[in-house]
Protein backbone atom coordinates (compact mmCIF):
# COMPACT_ATOMS: atom_id res chain seq x y z
CA MET A 1 -32.90 -13.80 -114.00
CA ALA A 2 -33.10 -10.23 -112.71
CA PRO A 3 -33.34 -9.92 -108.93
CA ASN A 4 -36.72 -9.01 -107.53
CA ILE A 5 -37.31 -5.67 -105.80
CA ARG A 6 -36.50 -7.01 -102.35
CA GLN A 7 -33.22 -8.45 -103.66
CA GLN A 8 -32.46 -5.20 -105.47
CA ILE A 9 -32.91 -3.28 -102.24
CA THR A 10 -30.63 -5.70 -100.40
CA LEU A 11 -27.97 -5.35 -103.09
CA LEU A 12 -28.32 -1.54 -103.19
CA VAL A 13 -27.96 -1.31 -99.40
CA LYS A 14 -24.87 -3.52 -99.53
CA LEU A 15 -23.44 -1.49 -102.41
CA GLN A 16 -24.02 1.70 -100.45
CA ASP A 17 -22.31 0.25 -97.37
CA VAL A 18 -19.28 -0.71 -99.46
CA GLU A 19 -19.13 2.67 -101.21
CA LEU A 20 -19.38 4.49 -97.89
CA MET A 21 -16.42 2.44 -96.67
CA VAL A 22 -14.59 3.43 -99.87
CA GLN A 23 -15.39 7.08 -99.14
CA ARG A 24 -14.17 6.86 -95.54
CA THR A 25 -11.01 5.02 -96.58
CA GLU A 26 -10.22 7.62 -99.24
CA GLN A 27 -10.77 10.38 -96.69
CA ASP A 28 -8.40 8.62 -94.27
CA LEU A 29 -5.79 8.30 -97.02
CA SER A 30 -6.17 11.97 -97.96
CA ARG A 31 -5.04 12.88 -94.44
CA VAL A 32 -1.86 10.79 -94.61
CA PRO A 33 0.36 13.37 -96.41
CA GLY A 34 -0.61 16.05 -93.90
CA ARG A 35 0.06 13.76 -90.95
CA THR A 36 3.46 12.60 -92.23
CA ALA A 37 4.38 16.22 -93.04
CA GLU A 38 3.40 17.18 -89.49
CA LEU A 39 5.64 14.43 -88.05
CA ASP A 40 8.50 15.45 -90.36
CA ALA A 41 8.06 19.04 -89.17
CA GLN A 42 8.27 17.92 -85.53
CA LEU A 43 11.48 16.04 -86.24
CA HIS A 44 12.88 18.96 -88.21
CA GLU A 45 12.06 21.29 -85.33
CA PHE A 46 14.24 19.24 -82.99
CA THR A 47 17.13 18.89 -85.44
CA SER A 48 16.95 22.58 -86.37
CA ALA A 49 17.08 23.58 -82.72
CA VAL A 50 20.25 21.53 -82.24
CA GLU A 51 21.84 22.86 -85.45
CA ASN A 52 20.88 26.45 -84.68
CA GLY A 53 22.36 26.03 -81.21
CA LYS A 54 25.62 24.75 -82.70
CA THR A 55 25.71 27.65 -85.16
CA ARG A 56 25.14 30.09 -82.29
CA LEU A 57 27.94 28.43 -80.34
CA GLN A 58 30.33 28.75 -83.28
CA GLU A 59 29.48 32.45 -83.61
CA LEU A 60 30.08 33.02 -79.90
CA SER A 61 33.35 31.09 -80.03
CA LYS A 62 34.52 33.14 -83.01
CA ARG A 63 33.55 36.35 -81.23
CA LEU A 64 35.39 35.23 -78.11
CA ARG A 65 38.58 34.52 -80.07
CA THR A 66 38.36 37.98 -81.61
CA LEU A 67 37.95 39.57 -78.17
CA GLU A 68 40.87 37.58 -76.77
CA SER A 69 43.01 38.70 -79.70
CA ASP A 70 41.95 42.34 -79.14
CA LEU A 71 42.75 41.93 -75.45
CA GLN A 72 46.28 40.76 -76.20
CA VAL A 73 46.83 43.60 -78.65
CA ASN A 74 45.72 46.25 -76.18
CA GLN A 75 47.62 44.71 -73.30
CA GLY A 76 50.70 44.82 -75.53
CA ARG A 77 50.03 48.48 -76.22
CA ILE A 78 49.80 49.17 -72.48
CA GLU A 79 53.16 47.46 -71.94
CA LYS A 80 54.73 49.55 -74.71
CA SER A 81 53.17 52.73 -73.31
CA GLN A 82 54.48 51.89 -69.86
CA GLU A 83 57.96 51.26 -71.25
CA LYS A 84 57.80 54.50 -73.19
CA LEU A 85 56.65 56.33 -70.05
CA ARG A 86 59.91 55.45 -68.28
CA SER A 87 61.89 57.32 -70.88
CA VAL A 88 59.93 60.57 -71.17
CA LYS A 89 61.74 63.77 -70.22
CA THR A 90 58.96 66.33 -69.77
CA ASN A 91 55.93 66.47 -67.51
CA LYS A 92 53.69 67.04 -70.52
CA GLU A 93 54.93 63.86 -72.18
CA TYR A 94 54.50 62.03 -68.87
CA GLN A 95 50.88 63.18 -68.47
CA SER A 96 50.16 62.29 -72.09
CA GLY A 97 51.61 58.83 -71.52
CA LEU A 98 49.49 58.32 -68.40
CA LYS A 99 46.38 59.38 -70.34
CA GLU A 100 47.20 56.91 -73.11
CA ILE A 101 47.67 54.08 -70.57
CA GLU A 102 44.42 55.02 -68.84
CA ASP A 103 42.49 54.98 -72.14
CA LEU A 104 44.01 51.63 -73.08
CA GLY A 105 43.15 50.33 -69.63
CA ALA A 106 39.51 51.30 -70.14
CA ILE A 107 39.51 49.48 -73.47
CA VAL A 108 41.05 46.39 -71.85
CA SER A 109 38.50 46.50 -69.03
CA LYS A 110 35.65 46.70 -71.53
CA ILE A 111 37.05 43.81 -73.55
CA GLU A 112 37.45 41.72 -70.39
CA ASP A 113 33.79 42.39 -69.49
CA GLU A 114 32.75 41.35 -72.98
CA ILE A 115 34.84 38.18 -72.69
CA LEU A 116 33.17 37.28 -69.40
CA ALA A 117 29.75 37.93 -70.95
CA GLY A 118 30.74 35.85 -73.97
CA MET A 119 31.82 32.96 -71.77
CA GLU A 120 28.47 33.07 -69.95
CA GLN A 121 26.68 33.11 -73.29
CA MET A 122 28.71 30.11 -74.45
CA GLU A 123 27.85 28.26 -71.27
CA ALA A 124 24.16 29.01 -71.86
CA ALA A 125 24.50 27.91 -75.49
CA HIS A 126 26.06 24.62 -74.43
CA ALA A 127 23.18 24.05 -72.00
CA ALA A 128 20.62 24.91 -74.68
CA ILE A 129 22.20 22.47 -77.15
CA ALA A 130 22.23 19.75 -74.49
CA GLY A 131 18.54 20.40 -73.82
CA HIS A 132 17.62 20.34 -77.51
CA GLN A 133 19.69 17.18 -78.03
CA ALA A 134 18.03 15.46 -75.06
CA ARG A 135 14.58 16.29 -76.44
CA PHE A 136 15.62 15.06 -79.87
CA ASP A 137 17.00 11.81 -78.42
CA SER A 138 13.82 11.19 -76.42
CA GLN A 139 11.36 12.09 -79.20
CA ALA A 140 13.05 11.15 -82.49
CA ASP A 141 12.45 7.40 -82.22
CA ARG A 142 8.82 7.97 -81.23
CA ILE A 143 8.23 10.32 -84.14
CA ARG A 144 9.91 7.99 -86.65
CA ALA A 145 7.94 5.00 -85.29
CA GLU A 146 4.69 6.97 -85.48
CA LYS A 147 5.40 7.98 -89.07
CA GLU A 148 6.23 4.39 -89.97
CA GLY A 149 2.94 3.31 -88.38
CA VAL A 150 1.03 5.90 -90.39
CA LEU A 151 2.65 4.74 -93.62
CA GLN A 152 1.97 1.08 -92.84
CA GLU A 153 -1.67 1.82 -92.06
CA ALA A 154 -1.90 3.80 -95.31
CA ALA A 155 -0.51 0.85 -97.27
CA GLN A 156 -3.05 -1.47 -95.65
CA ALA A 157 -5.83 1.05 -96.33
CA ARG A 158 -4.86 1.21 -100.02
CA GLN A 159 -5.02 -2.56 -100.18
CA ARG A 160 -8.45 -2.57 -98.51
CA LEU A 161 -9.56 0.17 -100.88
CA GLU A 162 -8.74 -1.96 -103.90
CA GLY A 163 -10.78 -4.82 -102.45
CA LEU A 164 -13.71 -2.55 -101.64
CA LYS A 165 -13.75 -1.06 -105.13
CA ALA A 166 -13.66 -4.53 -106.64
CA GLU A 167 -16.54 -5.58 -104.38
CA ALA A 168 -18.55 -2.49 -105.36
CA ALA A 169 -17.95 -3.19 -109.05
CA ALA A 170 -19.08 -6.80 -108.60
CA LEU A 171 -22.25 -5.71 -106.79
CA THR A 172 -23.03 -3.20 -109.53
CA THR A 173 -23.11 -5.96 -112.13
CA GLN A 174 -25.75 -7.80 -110.09
CA ILE A 175 -28.20 -4.88 -110.00
CA PRO A 176 -30.42 -3.91 -112.93
CA ALA A 177 -29.22 -0.88 -114.87
CA GLU A 178 -32.41 1.07 -114.13
CA ALA A 179 -31.96 0.61 -110.37
CA ILE A 180 -28.27 1.52 -110.54
CA SER A 181 -29.10 4.62 -112.59
CA LEU A 182 -31.64 5.74 -110.00
CA TYR A 183 -29.20 5.05 -107.16
CA ARG A 184 -26.41 7.03 -108.84
CA ARG A 185 -28.71 9.95 -109.65
CA VAL A 186 -29.88 10.23 -106.06
CA LYS A 187 -26.41 9.74 -104.59
CA ALA A 188 -24.96 12.53 -106.76
CA ASN A 189 -27.16 15.00 -104.90
CA LYS A 190 -26.33 13.76 -101.38
CA SER A 191 -23.20 15.10 -99.74
CA ASN A 192 -23.06 12.25 -97.25
CA GLY A 193 -23.29 9.59 -99.95
CA VAL A 194 -26.52 8.08 -98.58
CA ALA A 195 -28.88 7.36 -101.47
CA ILE A 196 -30.99 4.58 -100.00
CA CYS A 197 -32.38 4.28 -96.49
CA SER A 198 -35.05 2.50 -94.53
CA VAL A 199 -38.41 3.79 -93.36
CA SER A 200 -39.49 2.76 -89.88
CA ALA A 201 -42.76 3.78 -88.21
CA SER A 202 -43.52 5.93 -91.29
CA VAL A 203 -40.32 8.00 -90.78
CA CYS A 204 -37.65 8.26 -93.48
CA GLY A 205 -34.26 7.30 -92.07
CA GLY A 206 -32.55 9.85 -94.33
CA CYS A 207 -34.40 13.08 -93.66
CA HIS A 208 -36.39 11.97 -90.57
CA VAL A 209 -39.63 13.26 -92.05
CA ASN A 210 -42.89 11.29 -92.03
CA ILE A 211 -43.91 9.89 -95.38
CA PRO A 212 -47.59 9.83 -96.46
CA PRO A 213 -49.60 6.87 -95.03
CA GLN A 214 -50.50 5.58 -98.49
CA MET A 215 -46.83 5.46 -99.53
CA TYR A 216 -45.92 3.71 -96.30
CA ASN A 217 -48.53 1.05 -97.08
CA GLU A 218 -47.20 0.74 -100.64
CA LEU A 219 -43.66 0.30 -99.35
CA GLN A 220 -44.72 -2.77 -97.42
CA ARG A 221 -45.71 -4.48 -100.66
CA VAL A 222 -42.07 -4.19 -101.91
CA ASP A 223 -43.19 -4.26 -105.54
CA ARG A 224 -41.08 -1.38 -106.87
CA LEU A 225 -38.40 1.12 -105.84
CA LYS A 226 -39.77 4.34 -104.37
CA ASN A 227 -38.31 7.72 -103.48
CA CYS A 228 -38.92 9.73 -100.34
CA PRO A 229 -41.17 12.67 -101.33
CA ASN A 230 -39.08 14.95 -99.10
CA CYS A 231 -35.39 14.05 -99.59
CA GLU A 232 -35.82 11.94 -102.77
CA ARG A 233 -33.69 9.10 -101.41
CA ILE A 234 -34.65 5.54 -102.35
CA ILE A 235 -36.63 4.21 -99.41
CA PHE A 236 -37.70 0.76 -98.27
CA TRP A 237 -39.84 -0.66 -95.50
CA ASP A 238 -37.86 -1.74 -92.44
CA ASP A 239 -40.11 -3.77 -90.16
CA ASP A 240 -38.96 -5.63 -87.04
CA GLN A 241 -38.48 -8.80 -89.05
CA ARG A 242 -36.15 -7.14 -91.57
CA ARG A 243 -34.09 -5.52 -88.82
CA SER A 244 -33.58 -8.88 -87.14
CA GLU A 245 -32.48 -10.59 -90.31
């Protein structure tokens, strides 16, 4: 036997509640990829900072080795120039030798300054890596745990979603086709998914507009499904007794 109008309204309200839960659950699930990507990005930021710091340190170390090699070469040249200076026979050759040693000395001094600067940069790079590593160590477990929590909640939400869809399908079979057709037609035009709502004190719960007095009186008879003349949602009378049930 087909359910009476009051039963149809009860079933439609329950169906709507279930479908709204389906909608919210699907929205929650749609945010999961973005959230996990955000957590992965946070973790990648920490690991990249450490790796970039190590790469920077390797570059500085390589540069320092090159400078130290250049320093040895130029110091060797100074020693050769000094040895050569002891054997010159003319004042011109002597002055030329002094100039060569002076120029090499300036080069050596510059290289030594660059080595000192490089050592300071390496010290700063070591400190930066230590800082990045400390942040990674303190945050990595939290980020991984948070991601795992998000994935677990998503798995539970998918399971709930299957149950809700099954419940909605079961409810649909209990409602007359004409009522379901009306419900679907109205719902298709409502962005919030609310196709049926109560009327209390002559005010539609969907659009919050007063309905005509005659329609309000007709609603109380609960003899057929009616639509709000303003928002077109299916409406039903919600007296104090119905709200307490």
